[in-house]
């Protein structure tokens, strides 16, 4: 019996529980002190002011900002700590980033914090990037005349919440996917690496994450492909380098996951999820 089998039988024998994100973490919209120009500072005690331009679309983390705001400005904003998550609530809405610094966010961001009792950060990061979550947010954000991912939509998002030790074991599998994203791997390969039968692996993975192994693997590959596109790669190059079997399949998966074509994303990366 594998380690994850033992943990599942011990900690969640009746299946994984689904909960709304708003029940297991604090979710807030950012806020801007106004007029913002009066609160920008170069003083050493300034608080990092996180803007969309500070984000590297290829990165998992936000590590620095170009500007700071005063302590008084921070009191009128939304102050976050290292390890908290942020999502853009317009333009490239729904893309998660983890703060590697303390800082403040404006109202173009949604903050996610105080989730440590329920989520491993790496597991949560992978989960928020899945087709299941991204598609739900895209549908909800498109219900009005302008695409906008608001705090209520995020709070109402129901997600699987496996026990933390189970999440840690799943992250090991996801890290294996990250290391081998460009290889022509199948579910059988992932199952063999984990020491399971293919059917058992697929069943456990979907039960604990809400998605199939290949949906997660494609999300990992798409993250890499987006980076290649931003670096100037053609659609064909991005498809090949990120491990997809054909350009046609790559384009189909890319549009299904993000709602846009790879070419459209390449032309305007901050206009899409």
C-alpha atoms as a PDB file:
ATOM      1  CA  UNK A   1       0.000   0.000   0.000  1.00  0.00           C
ATOM      2  CA  UNK A   2       1.353   3.428  -0.957  1.00  0.00           C
ATOM      3  CA  UNK A   3       1.838   6.302   1.461  1.00  0.00           C
ATOM      4  CA  UNK A   4      -1.080   8.245  -0.012  1.00  0.00           C
ATOM      5  CA  UNK A   5      -3.349   5.175   0.214  1.00  0.00           C
ATOM      6  CA  UNK A   6      -2.534   4.895   3.890  1.00  0.00           C
ATOM      7  CA  UNK A   7      -3.239   8.588   4.463  1.00  0.00           C
ATOM      8  CA  UNK A   8      -6.544   8.476   2.610  1.00  0.00           C
ATOM      9  CA  UNK A   9      -7.734   5.439   4.548  1.00  0.00           C
ATOM     10  CA  UNK A  10      -6.681   7.063   7.794  1.00  0.00           C
ATOM     11  CA  UNK A  11      -7.776  10.685   7.221  1.00  0.00           C
ATOM     12  CA  UNK A  12     -10.573  10.690   4.632  1.00  0.00           C
ATOM     13  CA  UNK A  13     -11.943   7.157   4.133  1.00  0.00           C
ATOM     14  CA  UNK A  14     -15.351   8.510   3.066  1.00  0.00           C
ATOM     15  CA  UNK A  15     -13.955  10.777   0.360  1.00  0.00           C
ATOM     16  CA  UNK A  16     -12.638  14.315   0.152  1.00  0.00           C
ATOM     17  CA  UNK A  17     -14.767  17.210   1.339  1.00  0.00           C
ATOM     18  CA  UNK A  18     -15.656  20.145  -0.925  1.00  0.00           C
ATOM     19  CA  UNK A  19     -15.961  23.606   0.603  1.00  0.00           C
ATOM     20  CA  UNK A  20     -16.478  27.160  -0.676  1.00  0.00           C
ATOM     21  CA  UNK A  21     -13.205  29.088  -0.616  1.00  0.00           C
ATOM     22  CA  UNK A  22     -14.900  31.775   1.465  1.00  0.00           C
ATOM     23  CA  UNK A  23     -15.459  29.270   4.282  1.00  0.00           C
ATOM     24  CA  UNK A  24     -11.782  28.350   4.637  1.00  0.00           C
ATOM     25  CA  UNK A  25      -9.863  31.563   3.989  1.00  0.00           C
ATOM     26  CA  UNK A  26     -10.129  35.334   4.053  1.00  0.00           C
ATOM     27  CA  UNK A  27     -10.904  36.809   0.626  1.00  0.00           C
ATOM     28  CA  UNK A  28     -10.733  40.564   0.132  1.00  0.00           C
ATOM     29  CA  UNK A  29     -10.657  43.063  -2.662  1.00  0.00           C
ATOM     30  CA  UNK A  30      -7.690  45.399  -2.727  1.00  0.00           C
ATOM     31  CA  UNK A  31      -8.027  49.112  -2.050  1.00  0.00           C
ATOM     32  CA  UNK A  32      -6.245  52.250  -3.225  1.00  0.00           C
ATOM     33  CA  UNK A  33      -5.566  55.350  -1.154  1.00  0.00           C
ATOM     34  CA  UNK A  34      -6.662  58.339  -3.242  1.00  0.00           C
ATOM     35  CA  UNK A  35      -5.268  60.292  -4.836  1.00  0.00           C
ATOM     36  CA  UNK A  36      -2.556  57.649  -5.071  1.00  0.00           C
ATOM     37  CA  UNK A  37       0.124  60.157  -6.147  1.00  0.00           C
ATOM     38  CA  UNK A  38       0.022  61.727  -2.689  1.00  0.00           C
ATOM     39  CA  UNK A  39       0.970  58.412  -1.053  1.00  0.00           C
ATOM     40  CA  UNK A  40       3.813  57.285  -3.315  1.00  0.00           C
ATOM     41  CA  UNK A  41       7.148  57.482  -1.480  1.00  0.00           C
ATOM     42  CA  UNK A  42      10.817  56.610  -1.885  1.00  0.00           C
ATOM     43  CA  UNK A  43      11.432  56.491   1.864  1.00  0.00           C
ATOM     44  CA  UNK A  44      12.967  53.348   3.331  1.00  0.00           C
ATOM     45  CA  UNK A  45       9.924  52.727   5.537  1.00  0.00           C
ATOM     46  CA  UNK A  46       7.589  52.699   2.510  1.00  0.00           C
ATOM     47  CA  UNK A  47       5.369  49.672   1.879  1.00  0.00           C
ATOM     48  CA  UNK A  48       5.698  47.821  -1.466  1.00  0.00           C
ATOM     49  CA  UNK A  49       2.834  48.847  -3.795  1.00  0.00           C
ATOM     50  CA  UNK A  50       1.932  45.881  -6.006  1.00  0.00           C
ATOM     51  CA  UNK A  51       0.701  46.705  -9.510  1.00  0.00           C
ATOM     52  CA  UNK A  52       0.024  44.538 -12.555  1.00  0.00           C
ATOM     53  CA  UNK A  53       3.247  45.815 -14.097  1.00  0.00           C
ATOM     54  CA  UNK A  54       5.228  44.282 -11.217  1.00  0.00           C
ATOM     55  CA  UNK A  55       4.067  40.817 -12.199  1.00  0.00           C
ATOM     56  CA  UNK A  56       6.159  38.452 -14.275  1.00  0.00           C
ATOM     57  CA  UNK A  57       3.557  36.306 -16.103  1.00  0.00           C
ATOM     58  CA  UNK A  58       6.036  33.420 -16.157  1.00  0.00           C
ATOM     59  CA  UNK A  59       6.536  33.489 -12.402  1.00  0.00           C
ATOM     60  CA  UNK A  60       4.780  31.870  -9.480  1.00  0.00           C
ATOM     61  CA  UNK A  61       5.906  34.600  -7.077  1.00  0.00           C
ATOM     62  CA  UNK A  62       5.848  38.387  -6.781  1.00  0.00           C
ATOM     63  CA  UNK A  63       9.287  39.303  -5.516  1.00  0.00           C
ATOM     64  CA  UNK A  64       9.571  43.085  -5.882  1.00  0.00           C
ATOM     65  CA  UNK A  65       7.710  46.277  -6.807  1.00  0.00           C
ATOM     66  CA  UNK A  66       8.710  49.465  -8.589  1.00  0.00           C
ATOM     67  CA  UNK A  67       6.903  51.718  -6.137  1.00  0.00           C
ATOM     68  CA  UNK A  68       6.179  52.064  -2.428  1.00  0.00           C
ATOM     69  CA  UNK A  69       3.407  53.834  -0.548  1.00  0.00           C
ATOM     70  CA  UNK A  70       3.559  55.562   2.791  1.00  0.00           C
ATOM     71  CA  UNK A  71       2.533  53.929   6.055  1.00  0.00           C
ATOM     72  CA  UNK A  72      -0.530  56.192   6.149  1.00  0.00           C
ATOM     73  CA  UNK A  73      -1.396  55.085   2.608  1.00  0.00           C
ATOM     74  CA  UNK A  74      -1.055  51.437   3.599  1.00  0.00           C
ATOM     75  CA  UNK A  75      -3.704  51.966   6.281  1.00  0.00           C
ATOM     76  CA  UNK A  76      -6.148  52.919   3.524  1.00  0.00           C
ATOM     77  CA  UNK A  77      -5.192  49.981   1.323  1.00  0.00           C
ATOM     78  CA  UNK A  78      -5.154  46.184   1.714  1.00  0.00           C
ATOM     79  CA  UNK A  79      -1.962  45.053   3.439  1.00  0.00           C
ATOM     80  CA  UNK A  80      -0.801  41.493   2.805  1.00  0.00           C
ATOM     81  CA  UNK A  81       1.991  39.344   4.127  1.00  0.00           C
ATOM     82  CA  UNK A  82       4.518  37.066   2.472  1.00  0.00           C
ATOM     83  CA  UNK A  83       2.825  33.798   1.515  1.00  0.00           C
ATOM     84  CA  UNK A  84      -0.592  35.320   0.781  1.00  0.00           C
ATOM     85  CA  UNK A  85      -2.094  34.826  -2.690  1.00  0.00           C
ATOM     86  CA  UNK A  86      -3.423  37.455  -5.073  1.00  0.00           C
ATOM     87  CA  UNK A  87      -5.592  37.163  -8.187  1.00  0.00           C
ATOM     88  CA  UNK A  88      -6.158  39.814 -10.818  1.00  0.00           C
ATOM     89  CA  UNK A  89      -9.894  40.576 -10.899  1.00  0.00           C
ATOM     90  CA  UNK A  90      -9.914  42.095 -14.382  1.00  0.00           C
ATOM     91  CA  UNK A  91      -7.888  41.786 -17.585  1.00  0.00           C
ATOM     92  CA  UNK A  92      -5.785  38.670 -16.788  1.00  0.00           C
ATOM     93  CA  UNK A  93      -8.315  37.667 -14.154  1.00  0.00           C
ATOM     94  CA  UNK A  94      -7.971  34.493 -12.167  1.00  0.00           C
ATOM     95  CA  UNK A  95      -4.241  34.001 -12.518  1.00  0.00           C
ATOM     96  CA  UNK A  96      -2.782  33.231  -9.054  1.00  0.00           C
ATOM     97  CA  UNK A  97       0.454  34.650  -7.680  1.00  0.00           C
ATOM     98  CA  UNK A  98       2.112  34.073  -4.313  1.00  0.00           C
ATOM     99  CA  UNK A  99       3.644  37.007  -2.469  1.00  0.00           C
ATOM    100  CA  UNK A 100       7.328  36.594  -1.680  1.00  0.00           C
ATOM    101  CA  UNK A 101       7.197  40.006   0.043  1.00  0.00           C
ATOM    102  CA  UNK A 102       4.849  41.956   2.291  1.00  0.00           C
ATOM    103  CA  UNK A 103       2.922  44.651   0.434  1.00  0.00           C
ATOM    104  CA  UNK A 104      -0.311  46.460  -0.403  1.00  0.00           C
ATOM    105  CA  UNK A 105      -2.649  45.868  -3.333  1.00  0.00           C
ATOM    106  CA  UNK A 106      -5.040  48.137  -5.203  1.00  0.00           C
ATOM    107  CA  UNK A 107      -8.621  47.302  -6.185  1.00  0.00           C
ATOM    108  CA  UNK A 108      -7.515  45.483  -9.327  1.00  0.00           C
ATOM    109  CA  UNK A 109      -6.479  42.551  -7.149  1.00  0.00           C
ATOM    110  CA  UNK A 110      -8.255  40.006  -4.960  1.00  0.00           C
ATOM    111  CA  UNK A 111      -6.395  38.807  -1.871  1.00  0.00           C
ATOM    112  CA  UNK A 112      -6.502  35.286  -0.425  1.00  0.00           C
ATOM    113  CA  UNK A 113      -5.049  34.772   3.038  1.00  0.00           C
ATOM    114  CA  UNK A 114      -5.349  32.783   6.297  1.00  0.00           C
ATOM    115  CA  UNK A 115      -5.692  29.458   4.475  1.00  0.00           C
ATOM    116  CA  UNK A 116      -2.803  27.622   6.130  1.00  0.00           C
ATOM    117  CA  UNK A 117      -5.028  25.323   8.197  1.00  0.00           C
ATOM    118  CA  UNK A 118      -6.732  24.054   5.050  1.00  0.00           C
ATOM    119  CA  UNK A 119      -4.228  24.307   2.208  1.00  0.00           C
ATOM    120  CA  UNK A 120      -0.639  23.606   1.363  1.00  0.00           C
ATOM    121  CA  UNK A 121       0.455  26.661  -0.675  1.00  0.00           C
ATOM    122  CA  UNK A 122       1.789  24.600  -3.575  1.00  0.00           C
ATOM    123  CA  UNK A 123      -1.354  22.489  -3.732  1.00  0.00           C
ATOM    124  CA  UNK A 124      -3.542  25.613  -3.699  1.00  0.00           C
ATOM    125  CA  UNK A 125      -1.470  27.224  -6.453  1.00  0.00           C
ATOM    126  CA  UNK A 126      -1.863  24.184  -8.712  1.00  0.00           C
ATOM    127  CA  UNK A 127      -5.551  23.855  -7.837  1.00  0.00           C
ATOM    128  CA  UNK A 128      -6.370  27.454  -8.769  1.00  0.00           C
ATOM    129  CA  UNK A 129      -4.758  26.959 -12.184  1.00  0.00           C
ATOM    130  CA  UNK A 130      -6.859  23.918 -13.112  1.00  0.00           C
ATOM    131  CA  UNK A 131      -9.359  23.980 -15.954  1.00  0.00           C
ATOM    132  CA  UNK A 132     -12.148  23.274 -13.454  1.00  0.00           C
ATOM    133  CA  UNK A 133     -11.511  26.485 -11.488  1.00  0.00           C
ATOM    134  CA  UNK A 134     -10.500  28.684 -14.407  1.00  0.00           C
ATOM    135  CA  UNK A 135     -13.550  27.693 -16.448  1.00  0.00           C
ATOM    136  CA  UNK A 136     -15.893  28.381 -13.513  1.00  0.00           C
ATOM    137  CA  UNK A 137     -14.382  31.814 -12.961  1.00  0.00           C
ATOM    138  CA  UNK A 138     -14.428  32.643 -16.654  1.00  0.00           C
ATOM    139  CA  UNK A 139     -18.112  31.768 -16.916  1.00  0.00           C
ATOM    140  CA  UNK A 140     -19.032  33.760 -13.818  1.00  0.00           C
ATOM    141  CA  UNK A 141     -16.844  36.729 -14.769  1.00  0.00           C
ATOM    142  CA  UNK A 142     -18.467  36.878 -18.202  1.00  0.00           C
ATOM    143  CA  UNK A 143     -22.030  37.080 -16.879  1.00  0.00           C
ATOM    144  CA  UNK A 144     -22.031  40.892 -17.032  1.00  0.00           C
ATOM    145  CA  UNK A 145     -21.182  43.343 -19.783  1.00  0.00           C
ATOM    146  CA  UNK A 146     -17.543  43.508 -18.618  1.00  0.00           C
ATOM    147  CA  UNK A 147     -15.416  40.533 -17.579  1.00  0.00           C
ATOM    148  CA  UNK A 148     -14.725  40.970 -13.892  1.00  0.00           C
ATOM    149  CA  UNK A 149     -13.806  38.440 -11.251  1.00  0.00           C
ATOM    150  CA  UNK A 150     -15.154  39.802  -7.991  1.00  0.00           C
ATOM    151  CA  UNK A 151     -14.626  38.645  -4.426  1.00  0.00           C
ATOM    152  CA  UNK A 152     -18.065  37.030  -4.173  1.00  0.00           C
ATOM    153  CA  UNK A 153     -17.358  34.755  -7.138  1.00  0.00           C
ATOM    154  CA  UNK A 154     -14.102  33.615  -5.544  1.00  0.00           C
ATOM    155  CA  UNK A 155     -15.739  33.097  -2.151  1.00  0.00           C
ATOM    156  CA  UNK A 156     -18.486  30.941  -3.699  1.00  0.00           C
ATOM    157  CA  UNK A 157     -16.038  28.706  -5.573  1.00  0.00           C
ATOM    158  CA  UNK A 158     -16.354  25.157  -4.244  1.00  0.00           C
ATOM    159  CA  UNK A 159     -13.077  23.224  -4.172  1.00  0.00           C
ATOM    160  CA  UNK A 160     -11.810  19.867  -2.876  1.00  0.00           C
ATOM    161  CA  UNK A 161      -9.994  20.131   0.440  1.00  0.00           C
ATOM    162  CA  UNK A 162      -8.003  16.950   1.100  1.00  0.00           C
ATOM    163  CA  UNK A 163      -6.221  16.636   4.457  1.00  0.00           C
ATOM    164  CA  UNK A 164      -2.897  18.475   4.460  1.00  0.00           C
ATOM    165  CA  UNK A 165      -0.743  15.299   4.518  1.00  0.00           C
ATOM    166  CA  UNK A 166      -2.609  14.080   1.417  1.00  0.00           C
ATOM    167  CA  UNK A 167      -2.042  17.430  -0.280  1.00  0.00           C
ATOM    168  CA  UNK A 168       1.672  17.125   0.385  1.00  0.00           C
ATOM    169  CA  UNK A 169       1.767  13.728  -1.321  1.00  0.00           C
ATOM    170  CA  UNK A 170      -0.185  15.074  -4.312  1.00  0.00           C
ATOM    171  CA  UNK A 171       2.240  17.973  -4.607  1.00  0.00           C
ATOM    172  CA  UNK A 172       5.045  15.426  -5.020  1.00  0.00           C
ATOM    173  CA  UNK A 173       3.197  14.069  -8.056  1.00  0.00           C
ATOM    174  CA  UNK A 174       2.614  17.563  -9.424  1.00  0.00           C
ATOM    175  CA  UNK A 175       6.277  18.440  -8.978  1.00  0.00           C
ATOM    176  CA  UNK A 176       7.132  15.329 -10.999  1.00  0.00           C
ATOM    177  CA  UNK A 177       4.819  16.687 -13.722  1.00  0.00           C
ATOM    178  CA  UNK A 178       6.632  20.036 -13.580  1.00  0.00           C
ATOM    179  CA  UNK A 179      10.014  18.360 -14.004  1.00  0.00           C
ATOM    180  CA  UNK A 180       8.857  16.271 -16.975  1.00  0.00           C
ATOM    181  CA  UNK A 181       6.380  18.653 -18.643  1.00  0.00           C
ATOM    182  CA  UNK A 182       8.039  18.393 -22.087  1.00  0.00           C
ATOM    183  CA  UNK A 183       8.041  14.593 -22.180  1.00  0.00           C
ATOM    184  CA  UNK A 184       5.298  12.498 -23.826  1.00  0.00           C
ATOM    185  CA  UNK A 185       4.054  11.084 -20.532  1.00  0.00           C
ATOM    186  CA  UNK A 186       0.739   9.339 -19.955  1.00  0.00           C
ATOM    187  CA  UNK A 187      -1.374   8.502 -16.921  1.00  0.00           C
ATOM    188  CA  UNK A 188       0.329   5.110 -16.900  1.00  0.00           C
ATOM    189  CA  UNK A 189       3.698   6.839 -16.454  1.00  0.00           C
ATOM    190  CA  UNK A 190       2.465   8.910 -13.502  1.00  0.00           C
ATOM    191  CA  UNK A 191       0.837   5.847 -11.950  1.00  0.00           C
ATOM    192  CA  UNK A 192       4.013   3.807 -12.327  1.00  0.00           C
ATOM    193  CA  UNK A 193       6.099   6.539 -10.730  1.00  0.00           C
ATOM    194  CA  UNK A 194       3.671   6.632  -7.791  1.00  0.00           C
ATOM    195  CA  UNK A 195       3.594   2.842  -7.482  1.00  0.00           C
ATOM    196  CA  UNK A 196      -0.102   2.406  -8.348  1.00  0.00           C
ATOM    197  CA  UNK A 197      -2.178   0.802 -11.048  1.00  0.00           C
ATOM    198  CA  UNK A 198      -3.374   3.251 -13.687  1.00  0.00           C
ATOM    199  CA  UNK A 199      -7.031   2.888 -12.708  1.00  0.00           C
ATOM    200  CA  UNK A 200      -6.324   3.324  -8.990  1.00  0.00           C
ATOM    201  CA  UNK A 201      -4.121   6.349  -9.621  1.00  0.00           C
ATOM    202  CA  UNK A 202      -6.721   8.054 -11.826  1.00  0.00           C
ATOM    203  CA  UNK A 203      -9.514   7.407  -9.345  1.00  0.00           C
ATOM    204  CA  UNK A 204      -7.570   8.712  -6.336  1.00  0.00           C
ATOM    205  CA  UNK A 205      -6.236  11.735  -8.197  1.00  0.00           C
ATOM    206  CA  UNK A 206      -9.678  12.838  -9.390  1.00  0.00           C
ATOM    207  CA  UNK A 207     -11.230  12.182  -5.987  1.00  0.00           C
ATOM    208  CA  UNK A 208      -8.639  14.290  -4.165  1.00  0.00           C
ATOM    209  CA  UNK A 209      -8.257  17.146  -6.673  1.00  0.00           C
ATOM    210  CA  UNK A 210     -11.499  17.305  -8.650  1.00  0.00           C
ATOM    211  CA  UNK A 211      -9.585  16.941 -11.931  1.00  0.00           C
ATOM    212  CA  UNK A 212      -8.008  14.142 -13.943  1.00  0.00           C
ATOM    213  CA  UNK A 213      -4.228  13.669 -13.981  1.00  0.00           C
ATOM    214  CA  UNK A 214      -4.016  14.793 -17.616  1.00  0.00           C
ATOM    215  CA  UNK A 215      -6.023  17.962 -16.889  1.00  0.00           C
ATOM    216  CA  UNK A 216      -3.467  18.844 -14.229  1.00  0.00           C
ATOM    217  CA  UNK A 217      -0.576  17.891 -16.525  1.00  0.00           C
ATOM    218  CA  UNK A 218      -1.993  20.046 -19.297  1.00  0.00           C
ATOM    219  CA  UNK A 219      -2.336  22.965 -16.855  1.00  0.00           C
ATOM    220  CA  UNK A 220       1.367  22.589 -16.035  1.00  0.00           C
ATOM    221  CA  UNK A 221       2.253  22.453 -19.721  1.00  0.00           C
ATOM    222  CA  UNK A 222       0.077  25.457 -20.523  1.00  0.00           C
ATOM    223  CA  UNK A 223       1.851  27.495 -17.865  1.00  0.00           C
ATOM    224  CA  UNK A 224       5.136  26.691 -19.585  1.00  0.00           C
ATOM    225  CA  UNK A 225       3.671  27.402 -23.017  1.00  0.00           C
ATOM    226  CA  UNK A 226       2.469  30.827 -21.915  1.00  0.00           C
ATOM    227  CA  UNK A 227       5.999  31.625 -20.807  1.00  0.00           C
ATOM    228  CA  UNK A 228       7.400  30.553 -24.177  1.00  0.00           C
ATOM    229  CA  UNK A 229       4.818  32.684 -26.007  1.00  0.00           C
ATOM    230  CA  UNK A 230       5.728  35.705 -23.875  1.00  0.00           C
ATOM    231  CA  UNK A 231       9.390  35.148 -24.728  1.00  0.00           C
ATOM    232  CA  UNK A 232       8.536  35.449 -28.424  1.00  0.00           C
ATOM    233  CA  UNK A 233       8.096  31.803 -29.435  1.00  0.00           C
ATOM    234  CA  UNK A 234       5.707  31.019 -32.252  1.00  0.00           C
ATOM    235  CA  UNK A 235       2.597  28.992 -31.506  1.00  0.00           C
ATOM    236  CA  UNK A 236       4.254  25.984 -33.127  1.00  0.00           C
ATOM    237  CA  UNK A 237       7.416  26.395 -31.023  1.00  0.00           C
ATOM    238  CA  UNK A 238       5.450  26.840 -27.792  1.00  0.00           C
ATOM    239  CA  UNK A 239       3.452  23.717 -28.557  1.00  0.00           C
ATOM    240  CA  UNK A 240       6.532  21.610 -29.240  1.00  0.00           C
ATOM    241  CA  UNK A 241       8.621  22.906 -26.330  1.00  0.00           C
ATOM    242  CA  UNK A 242       5.833  22.424 -23.794  1.00  0.00           C
ATOM    243  CA  UNK A 243       5.328  18.788 -24.815  1.00  0.00           C
ATOM    244  CA  UNK A 244       2.024  18.763 -26.697  1.00  0.00           C
ATOM    245  CA  UNK A 245       1.619  16.042 -29.294  1.00  0.00           C
ATOM    246  CA  UNK A 246       0.392  18.384 -32.025  1.00  0.00           C
ATOM    247  CA  UNK A 247      -0.226  22.082 -32.639  1.00  0.00           C
ATOM    248  CA  UNK A 248      -3.922  21.381 -33.207  1.00  0.00           C
ATOM    249  CA  UNK A 249      -4.274  19.661 -29.841  1.00  0.00           C
ATOM    250  CA  UNK A 250      -2.275  22.412 -28.151  1.00  0.00           C
ATOM    251  CA  UNK A 251      -4.521  25.131 -29.589  1.00  0.00           C
ATOM    252  CA  UNK A 252      -7.649  23.237 -28.583  1.00  0.00           C
ATOM    253  CA  UNK A 253      -6.470  22.704 -25.000  1.00  0.00           C
ATOM    254  CA  UNK A 254      -5.177  26.286 -24.735  1.00  0.00           C
ATOM    255  CA  UNK A 255      -8.521  27.781 -25.811  1.00  0.00           C
ATOM    256  CA  UNK A 256     -10.494  25.403 -23.605  1.00  0.00           C
ATOM    257  CA  UNK A 257      -8.395  26.314 -20.574  1.00  0.00           C
ATOM    258  CA  UNK A 258      -8.035  30.069 -21.100  1.00  0.00           C
ATOM    259  CA  UNK A 259     -10.911  31.015 -23.407  1.00  0.00           C
ATOM    260  CA  UNK A 260      -8.561  32.465 -26.055  1.00  0.00           C
ATOM    261  CA  UNK A 261      -6.218  31.188 -28.755  1.00  0.00           C
ATOM    262  CA  UNK A 262      -2.439  30.999 -28.178  1.00  0.00           C
ATOM    263  CA  UNK A 263      -1.967  33.697 -30.820  1.00  0.00           C
ATOM    264  CA  UNK A 264      -4.337  36.090 -29.054  1.00  0.00           C
ATOM    265  CA  UNK A 265      -2.588  35.476 -25.750  1.00  0.00           C
ATOM    266  CA  UNK A 266       0.798  36.109 -27.331  1.00  0.00           C
ATOM    267  CA  UNK A 267      -0.401  39.453 -28.698  1.00  0.00           C
ATOM    268  CA  UNK A 268      -1.933  40.697 -25.419  1.00  0.00           C
ATOM    269  CA  UNK A 269      -1.006  38.484 -22.411  1.00  0.00           C
ATOM    270  CA  UNK A 270      -2.500  40.768 -19.761  1.00  0.00           C
ATOM    271  CA  UNK A 271      -5.884  40.866 -21.476  1.00  0.00           C
ATOM    272  CA  UNK A 272      -6.631  37.202 -20.796  1.00  0.00           C
ATOM    273  CA  UNK A 273      -6.748  34.738 -17.888  1.00  0.00           C
END
